[in-house]
Structure formats: structure tokens, C-alpha cells
């Protein structure tokens, strides 16, 4: 699954999202948006933030897309081998568990806004951000050329919040054999000499208590 998320037009609160599904062999596709997210164990309704959604083949012809429930859709493929889903997402919730956009920051929680095809959930995913040239990306996903991020599957994608900004502050420390990254966005001056020792201390305690750490790189 290949996602392209574009920076908003001036004063817009909507992310513009395009999902491309290739090698389609079925008469129809079932698409979903999660009603859960990592770390918050309650049913959610992220799909309420989708204002419009359309489906196309590679020639630009429209495909019928029908909403079956609050977060499930069906696309009639009409023999299309590639299906393109275009939709927007209202991103105006300023907390760590949602999505936010303004003129200097895009914060994306993929579990909120990335629709998926159920039969492809274990396949690799790419996420491309269309952002201004002077913006940088903070993410735990593998970075490729052209602002493309790579996830091993949909589960890794939606477990990897990210943000992009023209002003990022970044530092790294090591605890055990794990590299921990700390990111700040915006006009601030992180006091690294105070921050790093505290983060390193609790990271070492956690690694010792849990007898290990599940990844070799982690991003705050």
C-alpha cells in the first residue's frame, strides 16, 4: 500500500491523502479505517474526520465506492488492476493522540487517517509526504529518498506517529544497546544538558526492569 499525504493549502485544516493499491485481482475491495489506536484502549470514530472520499482507476475514471459502516467502505473495481483512493482528513486536534496541521507543523498519527485494505495489512507500506522543500521529517520509520517513509507492514505504520516542520531540534542518547532520539518542533531551545540525563536514566531503568527492549532505535 502506497500513501501520499500532502501539506494543506493555506488556512486549510484538511490533509489530502491518496492511497494506491496495485495488482488488484478482485471484483471489489473492502477498505477500513481503524477504530482503535496504540496506547488508548477504547473504541474511536476517526472516520468522522473524512469529509469526502472517491475511488479511481489509473485512467482517472471513477469507481463506485460505498460506505458500509462508520469506518468500512466497498469499492467496485470494474476490472481495474490499480485502484486509487483519494480523500481528505480533518486534522485539528492538538494532542499527541490525534492529527494536527498548521503553517509550521504537520503531526500525523497514521492509525487515525490511513485507510487500509484488509487483505494487505501484512504487506509493506510506503508513506510519502508532500511538504515544502525546507521542511524536515521526524519519524521512527525508515527514510527513503523524496520524503518517502517505509514500514514493514500496516501495523508498523500505524504504530509510528510522525511530524514535519521547517524547524526541528534533534538529539540522540544511548541506553543499553538502543539509540533513543528526541525531537522538538518549533521555536524553542531544548536544554539538552538537562533533558538527556533524565531520559537516559528512565530508559536504563525500563530496559533493566523489562530485561530488554523490542527495537534498536526509538523516537520520542
Protein backbone atom coordinates (compact mmCIF):
# COMPACT_ATOMS: atom_id res chain seq x y z
CA UNK A 1 0.00 0.00 0.00
CA UNK A 2 1.37 3.38 -1.02
CA UNK A 3 0.14 6.52 0.72
CA UNK A 4 0.78 10.11 -0.35
CA UNK A 5 -0.12 12.77 2.23
CA UNK A 6 0.05 16.37 1.07
CA UNK A 7 0.56 19.51 3.09
CA UNK A 8 -2.59 21.60 3.32
CA UNK A 9 -3.47 24.57 1.22
CA UNK A 10 -3.13 27.91 3.07
CA UNK A 11 -5.53 28.09 6.03
CA UNK A 12 -6.85 24.58 5.37
CA UNK A 13 -7.25 22.09 8.21
CA UNK A 14 -7.51 19.09 5.89
CA UNK A 15 -4.81 16.61 4.99
CA UNK A 16 -5.09 15.47 1.37
CA UNK A 17 -4.47 11.71 1.22
CA UNK A 18 -4.06 9.34 -1.71
CA UNK A 19 -3.84 5.56 -1.33
CA UNK A 20 -2.70 3.43 -4.29
CA UNK A 21 -3.44 -0.29 -4.36
CA UNK A 22 -1.74 -2.27 -7.15
CA UNK A 23 -2.19 -5.80 -8.51
CA UNK A 24 -5.89 -5.84 -7.73
CA UNK A 25 -7.43 -9.17 -8.72
CA UNK A 26 -10.85 -8.96 -7.09
CA UNK A 27 -14.22 -7.63 -8.21
CA UNK A 28 -14.33 -5.41 -5.15
CA UNK A 29 -12.12 -4.17 -2.33
CA UNK A 30 -13.03 -3.76 1.31
CA UNK A 31 -11.38 -0.76 2.95
CA UNK A 32 -11.20 0.11 6.62
CA UNK A 33 -10.10 2.86 8.95
CA UNK A 34 -9.16 1.65 12.45
CA UNK A 35 -11.43 2.36 15.39
CA UNK A 36 -8.52 1.83 17.81
CA UNK A 37 -5.04 3.20 18.28
CA UNK A 38 -1.93 2.02 20.15
CA UNK A 39 -1.91 3.07 23.78
CA UNK A 40 -5.57 4.05 24.01
CA UNK A 41 -7.82 1.09 24.65
CA UNK A 42 -11.21 2.43 23.67
CA UNK A 43 -13.39 2.46 20.58
CA UNK A 44 -12.94 5.59 18.47
CA UNK A 45 -14.55 7.19 15.45
CA UNK A 46 -11.70 8.62 13.38
CA UNK A 47 -13.70 8.23 10.18
CA UNK A 48 -15.89 11.17 11.21
CA UNK A 49 -12.98 13.39 10.13
CA UNK A 50 -13.19 12.27 6.49
CA UNK A 51 -15.14 14.90 4.58
CA UNK A 52 -15.02 13.27 1.13
CA UNK A 53 -13.71 10.08 -0.43
CA UNK A 54 -13.52 8.92 -4.07
CA UNK A 55 -12.07 5.95 -5.97
CA UNK A 56 -10.47 5.91 -9.44
CA UNK A 57 -8.61 3.67 -11.85
CA UNK A 58 -5.34 4.74 -13.48
CA UNK A 59 -7.17 6.41 -16.39
CA UNK A 60 -8.96 8.70 -13.95
CA UNK A 61 -12.34 7.03 -14.36
CA UNK A 62 -14.44 6.96 -11.21
CA UNK A 63 -15.13 3.69 -9.42
CA UNK A 64 -18.17 3.19 -7.23
CA UNK A 65 -17.29 3.43 -3.54
CA UNK A 66 -19.96 2.66 -0.96
CA UNK A 67 -19.78 3.29 2.78
CA UNK A 68 -20.91 0.16 4.63
CA UNK A 69 -20.41 1.28 8.21
CA UNK A 70 -18.83 4.17 10.12
CA UNK A 71 -15.32 3.05 9.11
CA UNK A 72 -15.76 0.50 6.30
CA UNK A 73 -16.12 1.03 2.52
CA UNK A 74 -16.51 -1.19 -0.54
CA UNK A 75 -15.02 -0.32 -3.93
CA UNK A 76 -16.34 -1.89 -7.15
CA UNK A 77 -13.13 -2.42 -9.14
CA UNK A 78 -14.58 -2.86 -12.67
CA UNK A 79 -11.52 -4.96 -13.70
CA UNK A 80 -9.10 -2.21 -12.64
CA UNK A 81 -5.67 -3.64 -11.79
CA UNK A 82 -4.76 -0.50 -9.82
CA UNK A 83 -7.21 1.35 -7.59
CA UNK A 84 -6.55 4.87 -6.28
CA UNK A 85 -8.43 6.19 -3.26
CA UNK A 86 -8.45 9.96 -2.72
CA UNK A 87 -9.85 11.52 0.42
CA UNK A 88 -9.26 14.30 2.90
CA UNK A 89 -8.95 14.22 6.67
CA UNK A 90 -9.77 16.98 9.15
CA UNK A 91 -6.65 17.39 11.31
CA UNK A 92 -7.32 19.94 14.03
CA UNK A 93 -6.99 18.08 17.31
CA UNK A 94 -3.92 19.45 19.15
CA UNK A 95 -2.87 16.49 21.27
CA UNK A 96 -0.41 13.61 20.94
CA UNK A 97 -3.09 11.08 20.10
CA UNK A 98 -4.57 12.73 17.04
CA UNK A 99 -3.58 14.71 13.91
CA UNK A 100 -2.78 18.40 13.58
CA UNK A 101 -1.79 20.79 10.80
CA UNK A 102 -0.89 24.45 10.70
CA UNK A 103 1.52 26.67 8.79
CA UNK A 104 4.57 25.38 10.70
CA UNK A 105 3.74 21.82 11.72
CA UNK A 106 2.14 18.65 10.42
CA UNK A 107 1.57 15.98 13.07
CA UNK A 108 0.28 12.66 11.74
CA UNK A 109 -0.94 9.67 13.69
CA UNK A 110 -1.32 7.19 10.81
CA UNK A 111 -3.77 5.00 12.72
CA UNK A 112 -6.22 7.92 12.61
CA UNK A 113 -6.09 8.68 8.91
CA UNK A 114 -4.60 5.82 6.83
CA UNK A 115 -7.30 3.66 5.29
CA UNK A 116 -6.19 0.08 4.55
CA UNK A 117 -7.27 -2.96 2.56
CA UNK A 118 -7.86 -5.87 4.93
CA UNK A 119 -6.13 -8.46 2.74
CA UNK A 120 -2.94 -6.33 2.55
CA UNK A 121 -2.43 -5.49 6.21
CA UNK A 122 0.76 -7.59 6.41
CA UNK A 123 2.31 -6.18 3.23
CA UNK A 124 4.98 -3.42 3.17
CA UNK A 125 3.68 0.16 3.23
CA UNK A 126 5.15 3.38 1.87
CA UNK A 127 4.18 6.84 3.05
CA UNK A 128 5.24 9.86 1.01
CA UNK A 129 4.89 13.37 2.41
CA UNK A 130 4.43 16.27 0.02
CA UNK A 131 5.85 19.10 2.09
CA UNK A 132 7.83 22.29 1.38
CA UNK A 133 11.49 21.80 0.47
CA UNK A 134 12.74 23.43 3.67
CA UNK A 135 10.75 21.13 5.96
CA UNK A 136 12.21 18.09 7.73
CA UNK A 137 10.55 14.89 8.96
CA UNK A 138 10.81 13.36 12.43
CA UNK A 139 9.88 9.68 12.32
CA UNK A 140 10.93 6.27 13.53
CA UNK A 141 10.20 4.77 10.12
CA UNK A 142 12.96 4.04 7.62
CA UNK A 143 13.53 7.10 5.45
CA UNK A 144 13.96 6.80 1.69
CA UNK A 145 14.59 9.46 -0.94
CA UNK A 146 11.94 12.04 -1.74
CA UNK A 147 10.35 12.23 1.73
CA UNK A 148 9.28 8.59 1.49
CA UNK A 149 8.99 6.52 4.67
CA UNK A 150 8.99 2.72 4.60
CA UNK A 151 7.11 0.42 7.00
CA UNK A 152 7.40 -3.35 7.10
CA UNK A 153 3.60 -3.64 7.29
CA UNK A 154 0.50 -1.69 8.24
CA UNK A 155 0.97 -2.45 11.94
CA UNK A 156 4.38 -0.76 11.99
CA UNK A 157 3.00 2.18 10.01
CA UNK A 158 0.17 2.90 12.44
CA UNK A 159 2.46 2.46 15.44
CA UNK A 160 4.73 5.26 14.15
CA UNK A 161 3.44 8.80 14.67
CA UNK A 162 5.48 11.46 12.87
CA UNK A 163 5.72 15.17 12.36
CA UNK A 164 7.21 17.55 9.84
CA UNK A 165 8.24 21.15 10.34
CA UNK A 166 10.63 23.79 8.99
CA UNK A 167 12.23 23.93 12.46
CA UNK A 168 13.22 20.68 14.18
CA UNK A 169 15.58 20.09 17.10
CA UNK A 170 17.12 16.63 17.42
CA UNK A 171 19.44 14.78 19.77
CA UNK A 172 20.41 11.16 20.45
CA UNK A 173 21.43 9.19 23.51
CA UNK A 174 22.16 5.51 24.07
CA UNK A 175 20.81 3.28 26.83
CA UNK A 176 21.80 -0.36 26.78
CA UNK A 177 22.33 -1.05 23.10
CA UNK A 178 19.38 1.10 21.98
CA UNK A 179 19.65 4.51 20.31
CA UNK A 180 16.97 6.89 21.54
CA UNK A 181 16.08 10.00 19.52
CA UNK A 182 14.41 13.09 20.98
CA UNK A 183 12.66 15.56 18.66
CA UNK A 184 11.23 19.01 19.30
CA UNK A 185 9.46 21.15 16.71
CA UNK A 186 9.16 24.90 16.69
CA UNK A 187 10.86 27.96 18.07
CA UNK A 188 12.42 26.61 21.26
CA UNK A 189 15.83 25.96 22.78
CA UNK A 190 15.93 22.49 24.33
CA UNK A 191 18.23 22.32 27.34
CA UNK A 192 19.88 19.10 26.26
CA UNK A 193 22.29 19.05 29.20
CA UNK A 194 19.25 18.66 31.49
CA UNK A 195 16.99 16.63 29.21
CA UNK A 196 19.40 13.88 28.12
CA UNK A 197 20.41 12.69 31.63
CA UNK A 198 16.77 12.36 32.72
CA UNK A 199 15.72 10.47 29.58
CA UNK A 200 18.77 8.22 29.78
CA UNK A 201 18.05 7.45 33.43
CA UNK A 202 14.46 6.28 32.99
CA UNK A 203 15.36 4.43 29.78
CA UNK A 204 18.03 2.41 31.57
CA UNK A 205 15.63 1.58 34.41
CA UNK A 206 12.99 0.43 31.94
CA UNK A 207 15.40 -1.74 29.96
CA UNK A 208 16.65 -3.37 33.15
CA UNK A 209 13.15 -3.93 34.52
CA UNK A 210 11.80 -5.35 31.23
CA UNK A 211 15.02 -7.33 30.57
CA UNK A 212 15.44 -5.88 27.10
CA UNK A 213 13.92 -3.55 24.54
CA UNK A 214 11.94 -4.62 21.44
CA UNK A 215 13.72 -2.32 18.92
CA UNK A 216 17.20 -0.91 18.35
CA UNK A 217 16.00 2.64 17.55
CA UNK A 218 13.27 4.58 19.33
CA UNK A 219 11.99 8.11 18.71
CA UNK A 220 10.40 10.47 21.23
